[in-house]
PDB file of N, CA and C in Angstrom:
ATOM      1  N   MET A   1       0.814  -1.193   0.000  1.00  0.00           N
ATOM      2  CA  MET A   1       0.000   0.000   0.000  1.00  0.00           C
ATOM      3  C   MET A   1       0.860   1.260   0.000  1.00  0.00           C
ATOM      4  N   ALA A   2       2.029   1.178   0.628  1.00  0.00           N
ATOM      5  CA  ALA A   2       2.918   2.334   0.649  1.00  0.00           C
ATOM      6  C   ALA A   2       3.411   2.658  -0.755  1.00  0.00           C
ATOM      7  N   ASN A   3       3.644   1.600  -1.550  1.00  0.00           N
ATOM      8  CA  ASN A   3       4.074   1.824  -2.936  1.00  0.00           C
ATOM      9  C   ASN A   3       2.992   2.566  -3.712  1.00  0.00           C
ATOM     10  N   LEU A   4       1.750   2.201  -3.483  1.00  0.00           N
ATOM     11  CA  LEU A   4       0.643   2.837  -4.181  1.00  0.00           C
ATOM     12  C   LEU A   4       0.536   4.309  -3.782  1.00  0.00           C
ATOM     13  N   ASP A   5       0.717   4.622  -2.492  1.00  0.00           N
ATOM     14  CA  ASP A   5       0.668   6.008  -2.031  1.00  0.00           C
ATOM     15  C   ASP A   5       1.796   6.837  -2.656  1.00  0.00           C
ATOM     16  N   ARG A   6       2.994   6.273  -2.697  1.00  0.00           N
ATOM     17  CA  ARG A   6       4.132   6.956  -3.306  1.00  0.00           C
ATOM     18  C   ARG A   6       3.890   7.155  -4.798  1.00  0.00           C
ATOM     19  N   PHE A   7       3.337   6.123  -5.424  1.00  0.00           N
ATOM     20  CA  PHE A   7       3.030   6.155  -6.856  1.00  0.00           C
ATOM     21  C   PHE A   7       2.008   7.252  -7.154  1.00  0.00           C
ATOM     22  N   GLU A   8       0.941   7.322  -6.345  1.00  0.00           N
ATOM     23  CA  GLU A   8      -0.092   8.336  -6.553  1.00  0.00           C
ATOM     24  C   GLU A   8       0.464   9.739  -6.341  1.00  0.00           C
ATOM     25  N   SER A   9       1.247   9.935  -5.288  1.00  0.00           N
ATOM     26  CA  SER A   9       1.768  11.278  -5.020  1.00  0.00           C
ATOM     27  C   SER A   9       2.733  11.723  -6.114  1.00  0.00           C
ATOM     28  N   GLU A  10       3.475  10.775  -6.669  1.00  0.00           N
ATOM     29  CA  GLU A  10       4.424  11.120  -7.734  1.00  0.00           C
ATOM     30  C   GLU A  10       3.694  11.597  -8.985  1.00  0.00           C
ATOM     31  N   PHE A  11       2.615  10.922  -9.337  1.00  0.00           N
ATOM     32  CA  PHE A  11       1.918  11.258 -10.571  1.00  0.00           C
ATOM     33  C   PHE A  11       0.866  12.346 -10.386  1.00  0.00           C
ATOM     34  N   PHE A  12       0.238  12.417  -9.228  1.00  0.00           N
ATOM     35  CA  PHE A  12      -0.750  13.471  -9.014  1.00  0.00           C
ATOM     36  C   PHE A  12      -0.082  14.806  -8.748  1.00  0.00           C
ATOM     37  N   GLY A  13       1.200  14.795  -8.450  1.00  0.00           N
ATOM     38  CA  GLY A  13       1.932  16.036  -8.238  1.00  0.00           C
ATOM     39  C   GLY A  13       2.033  16.875  -9.492  1.00  0.00           C
ATOM     40  N   LYS A  14       1.787  16.284 -10.659  1.00  0.00           N
ATOM     41  CA  LYS A  14       1.902  17.037 -11.911  1.00  0.00           C
ATOM     42  C   LYS A  14       0.602  17.727 -12.299  1.00  0.00           C
ATOM     43  N   LEU A  15      -0.434  17.636 -11.484  1.00  0.00           N
ATOM     44  CA  LEU A  15      -1.693  18.315 -11.765  1.00  0.00           C
ATOM     45  C   LEU A  15      -1.633  19.738 -11.231  1.00  0.00           C
ATOM     46  N   SER A  16      -2.210  20.655 -11.979  1.00  0.00           N
ATOM     47  CA  SER A  16      -2.199  22.045 -11.521  1.00  0.00           C
ATOM     48  C   SER A  16      -3.592  22.628 -11.634  1.00  0.00           C
ATOM     49  N   PRO A  17      -4.034  23.408 -10.622  1.00  0.00           N
ATOM     50  CA  PRO A  17      -5.375  23.984 -10.680  1.00  0.00           C
ATOM     51  C   PRO A  17      -5.461  25.072 -11.748  1.00  0.00           C
ATOM     52  N   VAL A  18      -6.632  25.133 -12.407  1.00  0.00           N
ATOM     53  CA  VAL A  18      -6.842  26.142 -13.437  1.00  0.00           C
ATOM     54  C   VAL A  18      -7.751  27.235 -12.907  1.00  0.00           C
ATOM     55  N   GLN A  19      -9.009  26.904 -12.642  1.00  0.00           N
ATOM     56  CA  GLN A  19      -9.942  27.923 -12.165  1.00  0.00           C
ATOM     57  C   GLN A  19     -10.328  27.683 -10.713  1.00  0.00           C
ATOM     58  N   GLY A  20     -10.873  26.540 -10.462  1.00  0.00           N
ATOM     59  CA  GLY A  20     -11.308  26.244  -9.112  1.00  0.00           C
ATOM     60  C   GLY A  20     -10.551  25.054  -8.570  1.00  0.00           C
ATOM     61  N   PRO A  21     -10.825  24.692  -7.336  1.00  0.00           N
ATOM     62  CA  PRO A  21     -10.101  23.587  -6.726  1.00  0.00           C
ATOM     63  C   PRO A  21     -10.438  22.231  -7.342  1.00  0.00           C
ATOM     64  N   LYS A  22     -11.564  22.125  -8.079  1.00  0.00           N
ATOM     65  CA  LYS A  22     -11.946  20.830  -8.628  1.00  0.00           C
ATOM     66  C   LYS A  22     -11.611  20.690 -10.106  1.00  0.00           C
ATOM     67  N   GLU A  23     -11.122  21.737 -10.734  1.00  0.00           N
ATOM     68  CA  GLU A  23     -10.781  21.674 -12.145  1.00  0.00           C
ATOM     69  C   GLU A  23      -9.267  21.630 -12.297  1.00  0.00           C
ATOM     70  N   PHE A  24      -8.778  20.621 -13.012  1.00  0.00           N
ATOM     71  CA  PHE A  24      -7.344  20.441 -13.177  1.00  0.00           C
ATOM     72  C   PHE A  24      -7.001  20.240 -14.647  1.00  0.00           C
ATOM     73  N   VAL A  25      -5.802  20.626 -15.004  1.00  0.00           N
ATOM     74  CA  VAL A  25      -5.262  20.381 -16.330  1.00  0.00           C
ATOM     75  C   VAL A  25      -3.993  19.569 -16.143  1.00  0.00           C
ATOM     76  N   VAL A  26      -3.876  18.480 -16.884  1.00  0.00           N
ATOM     77  CA  VAL A  26      -2.690  17.657 -16.778  1.00  0.00           C
ATOM     78  C   VAL A  26      -1.621  18.227 -17.703  1.00  0.00           C
ATOM     79  N   LYS A  27      -0.453  18.470 -17.144  1.00  0.00           N
ATOM     80  CA  LYS A  27       0.649  18.963 -17.961  1.00  0.00           C
ATOM     81  C   LYS A  27       1.143  17.823 -18.848  1.00  0.00           C
ATOM     82  N   ARG A  28       1.375  18.139 -20.108  1.00  0.00           N
ATOM     83  CA  ARG A  28       1.891  17.134 -21.029  1.00  0.00           C
ATOM     84  C   ARG A  28       3.352  16.885 -20.677  1.00  0.00           C
ATOM     85  N   LYS A  29       3.686  15.614 -20.509  1.00  0.00           N
ATOM     86  CA  LYS A  29       5.018  15.279 -20.040  1.00  0.00           C
ATOM     87  C   LYS A  29       5.440  13.943 -20.622  1.00  0.00           C
ATOM     88  N   ARG A  30       6.684  13.836 -20.947  1.00  0.00           N
ATOM     89  CA  ARG A  30       7.225  12.544 -21.333  1.00  0.00           C
ATOM     90  C   ARG A  30       7.603  11.827 -20.043  1.00  0.00           C
ATOM     91  N   PHE A  31       7.269  10.575 -19.987  1.00  0.00           N
ATOM     92  CA  PHE A  31       7.550   9.798 -18.793  1.00  0.00           C
ATOM     93  C   PHE A  31       8.942   9.189 -18.889  1.00  0.00           C
ATOM     94  N   SER A  32       9.623   9.136 -17.750  1.00  0.00           N
ATOM     95  CA  SER A  32      10.947   8.519 -17.724  1.00  0.00           C
ATOM     96  C   SER A  32      10.788   7.006 -17.802  1.00  0.00           C
ATOM     97  N   VAL A  33      11.888   6.348 -18.074  1.00  0.00           N
ATOM     98  CA  VAL A  33      11.891   4.893 -18.161  1.00  0.00           C
ATOM     99  C   VAL A  33      11.424   4.289 -16.843  1.00  0.00           C
ATOM    100  N   GLU A  34      11.896   4.848 -15.743  1.00  0.00           N
ATOM    101  CA  GLU A  34      11.524   4.325 -14.428  1.00  0.00           C
ATOM    102  C   GLU A  34      10.021   4.458 -14.193  1.00  0.00           C
ATOM    103  N   GLN A  35       9.451   5.575 -14.634  1.00  0.00           N
ATOM    104  CA  GLN A  35       8.012   5.783 -14.455  1.00  0.00           C
ATOM    105  C   GLN A  35       7.212   4.797 -15.295  1.00  0.00           C
ATOM    106  N   ILE A  36       7.641   4.561 -16.530  1.00  0.00           N
ATOM    107  CA  ILE A  36       6.934   3.622 -17.390  1.00  0.00           C
ATOM    108  C   ILE A  36       6.966   2.219 -16.789  1.00  0.00           C
ATOM    109  N   VAL A  37       8.148   1.810 -16.338  1.00  0.00           N
ATOM    110  CA  VAL A  37       8.287   0.481 -15.729  1.00  0.00           C
ATOM    111  C   VAL A  37       7.437   0.395 -14.455  1.00  0.00           C
ATOM    112  N   ALA A  38       7.381   1.473 -13.674  1.00  0.00           N
ATOM    113  CA  ALA A  38       6.566   1.479 -12.450  1.00  0.00           C
ATOM    114  C   ALA A  38       5.085   1.320 -12.777  1.00  0.00           C
ATOM    115  N   VAL A  39       4.618   1.980 -13.828  1.00  0.00           N
ATOM    116  CA  VAL A  39       3.217   1.858 -14.228  1.00  0.00           C
ATOM    117  C   VAL A  39       2.917   0.418 -14.637  1.00  0.00           C
ATOM    118  N   LEU A  40       3.788  -0.180 -15.417  1.00  0.00           N
ATOM    119  CA  LEU A  40       3.578  -1.560 -15.859  1.00  0.00           C
ATOM    120  C   LEU A  40       3.624  -2.540 -14.687  1.00  0.00           C
ATOM    121  N   LYS A  41       4.496  -2.276 -13.724  1.00  0.00           N
ATOM    122  CA  LYS A  41       4.571  -3.142 -12.541  1.00  0.00           C
ATOM    123  C   LYS A  41       3.280  -3.070 -11.724  1.00  0.00           C
ATOM    124  N   GLN A  42       2.715  -1.867 -11.611  1.00  0.00           N
ATOM    125  CA  GLN A  42       1.455  -1.720 -10.890  1.00  0.00           C
ATOM    126  C   GLN A  42       0.364  -2.560 -11.550  1.00  0.00           C
ATOM    127  N   ALA A  43       0.348  -2.571 -12.878  1.00  0.00           N
ATOM    128  CA  ALA A  43      -0.646  -3.372 -13.596  1.00  0.00           C
ATOM    129  C   ALA A  43      -0.397  -4.859 -13.369  1.00  0.00           C
ATOM    130  N   GLU A  44       0.873  -5.265 -13.338  1.00  0.00           N
ATOM    131  CA  GLU A  44       1.212  -6.660 -13.092  1.00  0.00           C
ATOM    132  C   GLU A  44       0.809  -7.091 -11.686  1.00  0.00           C
ATOM    133  N   LEU A  45       0.856  -6.166 -10.745  1.00  0.00           N
ATOM    134  CA  LEU A  45       0.502  -6.476  -9.361  1.00  0.00           C
ATOM    135  C   LEU A  45      -1.004  -6.569  -9.147  1.00  0.00           C
ATOM    136  N   GLY A  46      -1.784  -6.292 -10.193  1.00  0.00           N
ATOM    137  CA  GLY A  46      -3.222  -6.493 -10.100  1.00  0.00           C
ATOM    138  C   GLY A  46      -4.055  -5.232 -10.055  1.00  0.00           C
ATOM    139  N   MET A  47      -3.447  -4.083 -10.158  1.00  0.00           N
ATOM    140  CA  MET A  47      -4.227  -2.849 -10.173  1.00  0.00           C
ATOM    141  C   MET A  47      -5.009  -2.779 -11.491  1.00  0.00           C
ATOM    142  N   PRO A  48      -6.295  -2.491 -11.439  1.00  0.00           N
ATOM    143  CA  PRO A  48      -7.082  -2.418 -12.675  1.00  0.00           C
ATOM    144  C   PRO A  48      -6.518  -1.356 -13.634  1.00  0.00           C
ATOM    145  N   VAL A  49      -6.428  -1.719 -14.903  1.00  0.00           N
ATOM    146  CA  VAL A  49      -5.835  -0.844 -15.909  1.00  0.00           C
ATOM    147  C   VAL A  49      -6.599   0.476 -16.004  1.00  0.00           C
ATOM    148  N   VAL A  50      -7.917   0.409 -15.930  1.00  0.00           N
ATOM    149  CA  VAL A  50      -8.735   1.625 -16.034  1.00  0.00           C
ATOM    150  C   VAL A  50      -8.375   2.609 -14.921  1.00  0.00           C
ATOM    151  N   ASP A  51      -8.241   2.114 -13.697  1.00  0.00           N
ATOM    152  CA  ASP A  51      -7.870   2.980 -12.572  1.00  0.00           C
ATOM    153  C   ASP A  51      -6.451   3.511 -12.730  1.00  0.00           C
ATOM    154  N   LEU A  52      -5.563   2.640 -13.187  1.00  0.00           N
ATOM    155  CA  LEU A  52      -4.159   3.012 -13.343  1.00  0.00           C
ATOM    156  C   LEU A  52      -3.991   4.120 -14.372  1.00  0.00           C
ATOM    157  N   ILE A  53      -4.603   3.980 -15.534  1.00  0.00           N
ATOM    158  CA  ILE A  53      -4.431   5.004 -16.566  1.00  0.00           C
ATOM    159  C   ILE A  53      -5.083   6.314 -16.170  1.00  0.00           C
ATOM    160  N   ARG A  54      -6.144   6.251 -15.397  1.00  0.00           N
ATOM    161  CA  ARG A  54      -6.778   7.479 -14.915  1.00  0.00           C
ATOM    162  C   ARG A  54      -5.863   8.197 -13.933  1.00  0.00           C
ATOM    163  N   GLN A  55      -5.232   7.449 -13.034  1.00  0.00           N
ATOM    164  CA  GLN A  55      -4.329   8.058 -12.054  1.00  0.00           C
ATOM    165  C   GLN A  55      -3.097   8.660 -12.709  1.00  0.00           C
ATOM    166  N   VAL A  56      -2.542   7.944 -13.672  1.00  0.00           N
ATOM    167  CA  VAL A  56      -1.313   8.396 -14.310  1.00  0.00           C
ATOM    168  C   VAL A  56      -1.595   9.517 -15.299  1.00  0.00           C
ATOM    169  N   GLY A  57      -2.776   9.504 -15.903  1.00  0.00           N
ATOM    170  CA  GLY A  57      -3.131  10.540 -16.864  1.00  0.00           C
ATOM    171  C   GLY A  57      -2.711  10.204 -18.282  1.00  0.00           C
ATOM    172  N   ILE A  58      -2.760   8.921 -18.615  1.00  0.00           N
ATOM    173  CA  ILE A  58      -2.426   8.488 -19.969  1.00  0.00           C
ATOM    174  C   ILE A  58      -3.642   7.813 -20.581  1.00  0.00           C
ATOM    175  N   SER A  59      -3.591   7.625 -21.886  1.00  0.00           N
ATOM    176  CA  SER A  59      -4.690   6.934 -22.554  1.00  0.00           C
ATOM    177  C   SER A  59      -4.462   5.429 -22.476  1.00  0.00           C
ATOM    178  N   GLU A  60      -5.526   4.693 -22.734  1.00  0.00           N
ATOM    179  CA  GLU A  60      -5.431   3.239 -22.746  1.00  0.00           C
ATOM    180  C   GLU A  60      -4.479   2.792 -23.864  1.00  0.00           C
ATOM    181  N   GLN A  61      -4.526   3.511 -24.981  1.00  0.00           N
ATOM    182  CA  GLN A  61      -3.649   3.203 -26.108  1.00  0.00           C
ATOM    183  C   GLN A  61      -2.182   3.348 -25.701  1.00  0.00           C
ATOM    184  N   THR A  62      -1.854   4.395 -24.962  1.00  0.00           N
ATOM    185  CA  THR A  62      -0.479   4.601 -24.499  1.00  0.00           C
ATOM    186  C   THR A  62      -0.052   3.471 -23.578  1.00  0.00           C
ATOM    187  N   PHE A  63      -0.936   3.075 -22.661  1.00  0.00           N
ATOM    188  CA  PHE A  63      -0.612   1.987 -21.730  1.00  0.00           C
ATOM    189  C   PHE A  63      -0.276   0.712 -22.486  1.00  0.00           C
ATOM    190  N   TYR A  64      -1.123   0.343 -23.443  1.00  0.00           N
ATOM    191  CA  TYR A  64      -0.888  -0.907 -24.162  1.00  0.00           C
ATOM    192  C   TYR A  64       0.306  -0.818 -25.109  1.00  0.00           C
ATOM    193  N   ARG A  65       0.614   0.369 -25.593  1.00  0.00           N
ATOM    194  CA  ARG A  65       1.826   0.545 -26.401  1.00  0.00           C
ATOM    195  C   ARG A  65       3.062   0.335 -25.521  1.00  0.00           C
ATOM    196  N   TRP A  66       3.034   0.921 -24.304  1.00  0.00           N
ATOM    197  CA  TRP A  66       4.126   0.719 -23.363  1.00  0.00           C
ATOM    198  C   TRP A  66       4.260  -0.757 -23.030  1.00  0.00           C
ATOM    199  N   LYS A  67       3.125  -1.396 -22.788  1.00  0.00           N
ATOM    200  CA  LYS A  67       3.143  -2.803 -22.414  1.00  0.00           C
ATOM    201  C   LYS A  67       3.744  -3.645 -23.528  1.00  0.00           C
ATOM    202  N   LYS A  68       3.380  -3.363 -24.761  1.00  0.00           N
ATOM    203  CA  LYS A  68       3.911  -4.096 -25.909  1.00  0.00           C
ATOM    204  C   LYS A  68       5.418  -3.879 -26.038  1.00  0.00           C
ATOM    205  N   GLN A  69       5.849  -2.657 -25.804  1.00  0.00           N
ATOM    206  CA  GLN A  69       7.244  -2.309 -26.011  1.00  0.00           C
ATOM    207  C   GLN A  69       8.142  -2.710 -24.838  1.00  0.00           C
ATOM    208  N   TYR A  70       7.652  -2.581 -23.607  1.00  0.00           N
ATOM    209  CA  TYR A  70       8.511  -2.746 -22.437  1.00  0.00           C
ATOM    210  C   TYR A  70       8.127  -3.902 -21.521  1.00  0.00           C
ATOM    211  N   ALA A  71       7.209  -4.762 -21.931  1.00  0.00           N
ATOM    212  CA  ALA A  71       6.728  -5.840 -21.060  1.00  0.00           C
ATOM    213  C   ALA A  71       7.877  -6.734 -20.599  1.00  0.00           C
ATOM    214  N   GLY A  72       7.943  -6.967 -19.302  1.00  0.00           N
ATOM    215  CA  GLY A  72       8.923  -7.877 -18.727  1.00  0.00           C
ATOM    216  C   GLY A  72      10.332  -7.317 -18.596  1.00  0.00           C
ATOM    217  N   MET A  73      10.530  -6.066 -18.934  1.00  0.00           N
ATOM    218  CA  MET A  73      11.871  -5.484 -18.863  1.00  0.00           C
ATOM    219  C   MET A  73      12.053  -4.735 -17.549  1.00  0.00           C
ATOM    220  N   GLN A  74      13.300  -4.663 -17.145  1.00  0.00           N
ATOM    221  CA  GLN A  74      13.658  -3.851 -15.995  1.00  0.00           C
ATOM    222  C   GLN A  74      14.090  -2.477 -16.503  1.00  0.00           C
ATOM    223  N   SER A  75      14.210  -1.511 -15.616  1.00  0.00           N
ATOM    224  CA  SER A  75      14.561  -0.143 -15.994  1.00  0.00           C
ATOM    225  C   SER A  75      15.877  -0.067 -16.757  1.00  0.00           C
ATOM    226  N   ASP A  76      16.886  -0.804 -16.292  1.00  0.00           N
ATOM    227  CA  ASP A  76      18.189  -0.745 -16.961  1.00  0.00           C
ATOM    228  C   ASP A  76      18.131  -1.350 -18.360  1.00  0.00           C
ATOM    229  N   GLN A  77      17.324  -2.389 -18.544  1.00  0.00           N
ATOM    230  CA  GLN A  77      17.179  -2.994 -19.870  1.00  0.00           C
ATOM    231  C   GLN A  77      16.477  -2.038 -20.831  1.00  0.00           C
ATOM    232  N   VAL A  78      15.473  -1.331 -20.336  1.00  0.00           N
ATOM    233  CA  VAL A  78      14.749  -0.370 -21.171  1.00  0.00           C
ATOM    234  C   VAL A  78      15.674   0.785 -21.539  1.00  0.00           C
ATOM    235  N   ARG A  79      16.454   1.242 -20.579  1.00  0.00           N
ATOM    236  CA  ARG A  79      17.395   2.333 -20.846  1.00  0.00           C
ATOM    237  C   ARG A  79      18.417   1.901 -21.900  1.00  0.00           C
ATOM    238  N   GLU A  80      18.913   0.675 -21.798  1.00  0.00           N
ATOM    239  CA  GLU A  80      19.861   0.172 -22.788  1.00  0.00           C
ATOM    240  C   GLU A  80      19.200   0.068 -24.169  1.00  0.00           C
ATOM    241  N   LEU A  81      17.942  -0.370 -24.214  1.00  0.00           N
ATOM    242  CA  LEU A  81      17.211  -0.440 -25.480  1.00  0.00           C
ATOM    243  C   LEU A  81      17.096   0.939 -26.120  1.00  0.00           C
ATOM    244  N   LYS A  82      16.760   1.943 -25.325  1.00  0.00           N
ATOM    245  CA  LYS A  82      16.657   3.321 -25.831  1.00  0.00           C
ATOM    246  C   LYS A  82      18.001   3.798 -26.381  1.00  0.00           C
ATOM    247  N   GLN A  83      19.081   3.519 -25.669  1.00  0.00           N
ATOM    248  CA  GLN A  83      20.402   3.938 -26.127  1.00  0.00           C
ATOM    249  C   GLN A  83      20.762   3.265 -27.447  1.00  0.00           C
ATOM    250  N   LEU A  84      20.443   1.984 -27.566  1.00  0.00           N
ATOM    251  CA  LEU A  84      20.733   1.272 -28.809  1.00  0.00           C
ATOM    252  C   LEU A  84      19.898   1.811 -29.971  1.00  0.00           C
ATOM    253  N   GLN A  85      18.636   2.164 -29.689  1.00  0.00           N
ATOM    254  CA  GLN A  85      17.788   2.739 -30.734  1.00  0.00           C
ATOM    255  C   GLN A  85      18.333   4.091 -31.189  1.00  0.00           C
ATOM    256  N   GLU A  86      18.779   4.917 -30.246  1.00  0.00           N
ATOM    257  CA  GLU A  86      19.353   6.220 -30.593  1.00  0.00           C
ATOM    258  C   GLU A  86      20.635   6.051 -31.407  1.00  0.00           C
ATOM    259  N   GLU A  87      21.483   5.098 -31.017  1.00  0.00           N
ATOM    260  CA  GLU A  87      22.713   4.853 -31.759  1.00  0.00           C
ATOM    261  C   GLU A  87      22.400   4.344 -33.161  1.00  0.00           C
ATOM    262  N   ASN A  88      21.411   3.477 -33.278  1.00  0.00           N
ATOM    263  CA  ASN A  88      21.007   2.953 -34.584  1.00  0.00           C
ATOM    264  C   ASN A  88      20.521   4.075 -35.490  1.00  0.00           C
ATOM    265  N   THR A  89      19.731   4.995 -34.951  1.00  0.00           N
ATOM    266  CA  THR A  89      19.244   6.136 -35.722  1.00  0.00           C
ATOM    267  C   THR A  89      20.409   7.003 -36.193  1.00  0.00           C
ATOM    268  N   ARG A  90      21.361   7.248 -35.300  1.00  0.00           N
ATOM    269  CA  ARG A  90      22.531   8.060 -35.642  1.00  0.00           C
ATOM    270  C   ARG A  90      23.343   7.394 -36.747  1.00  0.00           C
ATOM    271  N   LEU A  91      23.526   6.085 -36.653  1.00  0.00           N
ATOM    272  CA  LEU A  91      24.300   5.368 -37.664  1.00  0.00           C
ATOM    273  C   LEU A  91      23.584   5.338 -39.012  1.00  0.00           C
ATOM    274  N   LYS A  92      22.251   5.220 -38.997  1.00  0.00           N
ATOM    275  CA  LYS A  92      21.488   5.252 -40.248  1.00  0.00           C
ATOM    276  C   LYS A  92      21.649   6.600 -40.947  1.00  0.00           C
ATOM    277  N   LYS A  93      21.622   7.688 -40.180  1.00  0.00           N
ATOM    278  CA  LYS A  93      21.828   9.019 -40.765  1.00  0.00           C
ATOM    279  C   LYS A  93      23.223   9.141 -41.349  1.00  0.00           C
ATOM    280  N   LEU A  94      24.213   8.612 -40.638  1.00  0.00           N
ATOM    281  CA  LEU A  94      25.587   8.659 -41.103  1.00  0.00           C
ATOM    282  C   LEU A  94      25.745   7.897 -42.422  1.00  0.00           C
ATOM    283  N   VAL A  95      25.138   6.715 -42.514  1.00  0.00           N
ATOM    284  CA  VAL A  95      25.194   5.926 -43.746  1.00  0.00           C
ATOM    285  C   VAL A  95      24.524   6.680 -44.891  1.00  0.00           C
ATOM    286  N   ALA A  96      23.396   7.315 -44.623  1.00  0.00           N
ATOM    287  CA  ALA A  96      22.699   8.071 -45.667  1.00  0.00           C
ATOM    288  C   ALA A  96      23.565   9.232 -46.164  1.00  0.00           C
ATOM    289  N   GLU A  97      24.197   9.949 -45.253  1.00  0.00           N
ATOM    290  CA  GLU A  97      25.059  11.072 -45.640  1.00  0.00           C
ATOM    291  C   GLU A  97      26.257  10.595 -46.461  1.00  0.00           C
ATOM    292  N   LEU A  98      26.884   9.505 -46.024  1.00  0.00           N
ATOM    293  CA  LEU A  98      28.036   8.979 -46.741  1.00  0.00           C
ATOM    294  C   LEU A  98      27.643   8.445 -48.118  1.00  0.00           C
ATOM    295  N   SER A  99      26.472   7.832 -48.213  1.00  0.00           N
ATOM    296  CA  SER A  99      25.991   7.347 -49.516  1.00  0.00           C
ATOM    297  C   SER A  99      25.764   8.512 -50.466  1.00  0.00           C
ATOM    298  N   LEU A 100      25.211   9.594 -49.959  1.00  0.00           N
ATOM    299  CA  LEU A 100      24.994  10.783 -50.772  1.00  0.00           C
ATOM    300  C   LEU A 100      26.324  11.385 -51.225  1.00  0.00           C
ATOM    301  N   ASP A 101      27.272  11.480 -50.309  1.00  0.00           N
ATOM    302  CA  ASP A 101      28.600  11.993 -50.658  1.00  0.00           C
ATOM    303  C   ASP A 101      29.252  11.134 -51.744  1.00  0.00           C
ATOM    304  N   LYS A 102      29.141   9.826 -51.603  1.00  0.00           N
ATOM    305  CA  LYS A 102      29.716   8.911 -52.588  1.00  0.00           C
ATOM    306  C   LYS A 102      29.073   9.106 -53.951  1.00  0.00           C
ATOM    307  N   ALA A 103      27.747   9.235 -53.988  1.00  0.00           N
ATOM    308  CA  ALA A 103      27.038   9.429 -55.257  1.00  0.00           C
ATOM    309  C   ALA A 103      27.462  10.738 -55.922  1.00  0.00           C
ATOM    310  N   ILE A 104      27.624  11.791 -55.133  1.00  0.00           N
ATOM    311  CA  ILE A 104      28.050  13.093 -55.679  1.00  0.00           C
ATOM    312  C   ILE A 104      29.455  12.984 -56.252  1.00  0.00           C
ATOM    313  N   LEU A 105      30.356  12.343 -55.519  1.00  0.00           N
ATOM    314  CA  LEU A 105      31.733  12.190 -55.992  1.00  0.00           C
ATOM    315  C   LEU A 105      31.803  11.336 -57.259  1.00  0.00           C
ATOM    316  N   GLN A 106      30.997  10.285 -57.316  1.00  0.00           N
ATOM    317  CA  GLN A 106      30.969   9.459 -58.526  1.00  0.00           C
ATOM    318  C   GLN A 106      30.438  10.251 -59.718  1.00  0.00           C
ATOM    319  N   ASP A 107      29.441  11.084 -59.479  1.00  0.00           N
ATOM    320  CA  ASP A 107      28.873  11.898 -60.545  1.00  0.00           C
ATOM    321  C   ASP A 107      29.913  12.895 -61.064  1.00  0.00           C
ATOM    322  N   VAL A 108      30.628  13.527 -60.156  1.00  0.00           N
ATOM    323  CA  VAL A 108      31.656  14.492 -60.541  1.00  0.00           C
ATOM    324  C   VAL A 108      32.790  13.787 -61.285  1.00  0.00           C
ATOM    325  N   ALA A 109      33.203  12.627 -60.800  1.00  0.00           N
ATOM    326  CA  ALA A 109      34.313  11.898 -61.416  1.00  0.00           C
ATOM    327  C   ALA A 109      33.952  11.381 -62.807  1.00  0.00           C
ATOM    328  N   SER A 110      32.686  11.115 -63.047  1.00  0.00           N
ATOM    329  CA  SER A 110      32.280  10.553 -64.335  1.00  0.00           C
ATOM    330  C   SER A 110      32.180  11.610 -65.429  1.00  0.00           C
ATOM    331  N   LYS A 111      32.133  12.870 -65.097  1.00  0.00           N
ATOM    332  CA  LYS A 111      32.024  13.942 -66.086  1.00  0.00           C
ATOM    333  C   LYS A 111      33.388  14.239 -66.693  1.00  0.00           C
ATOM    334  N   ASN A 112      33.369  14.645 -67.921  1.00  0.00           N
ATOM    335  CA  ASN A 112      34.601  14.983 -68.629  1.00  0.00           C
ATOM    336  C   ASN A 112      34.893  16.448 -68.392  1.00  0.00           C
ATOM    337  N   TRP A 113      35.893  16.734 -67.571  1.00  0.00           N
ATOM    338  CA  TRP A 113      36.218  18.103 -67.220  1.00  0.00           C
ATOM    339  C   TRP A 113      37.330  18.609 -68.146  1.00  0.00           C
ATOM    340  N   ARG A 114      37.072  19.677 -68.848  1.00  0.00           N
ATOM    341  CA  ARG A 114      38.104  20.304 -69.679  1.00  0.00           C
ATOM    342  C   ARG A 114      38.287  21.744 -69.195  1.00  0.00           C
ATOM    343  N   GLY A 115      39.459  22.064 -68.886  1.00  0.00           N
ATOM    344  CA  GLY A 115      39.751  23.394 -68.415  1.00  0.00           C
ATOM    345  C   GLY A 115      39.885  24.358 -69.594  1.00  0.00           C
ATOM    346  N   PRO A 116      39.888  25.656 -69.336  1.00  0.00           N
ATOM    347  CA  PRO A 116      40.050  26.643 -70.417  1.00  0.00           C
ATOM    348  C   PRO A 116      41.464  26.564 -71.009  1.00  0.00           C
ATOM    349  N   ARG A 117      41.580  26.699 -72.340  1.00  0.00           N
ATOM    350  CA  ARG A 117      42.889  26.632 -73.016  1.00  0.00           C
ATOM    351  C   ARG A 117      43.198  27.878 -73.726  1.00  0.00           C
TER     352      ARG A 117
END
């Protein structure tokens, strides 16, 4: 129960009053890896998904996307996955740039250059 109280205070802390004490707007926020794993663990422990997504302030679609992507992983494994995805993206961009450079150089080399005489 203490975990649930800590979990609620962590996520409800991002609510801010707009007009009156009963009206709130949820700030749009990207969740950290630890927060995503904590949400999934709460669901694994038996907390109803409907209650969980309402408390966290996410859609059902977001919850199931997280579950599909991070199911059964620990925080460090998810962090490593993110790092590998970022490195893969960086390497793909590098390959694209080098391929373009190669194509330009081949095009220039294939032309018959005659200087002024």
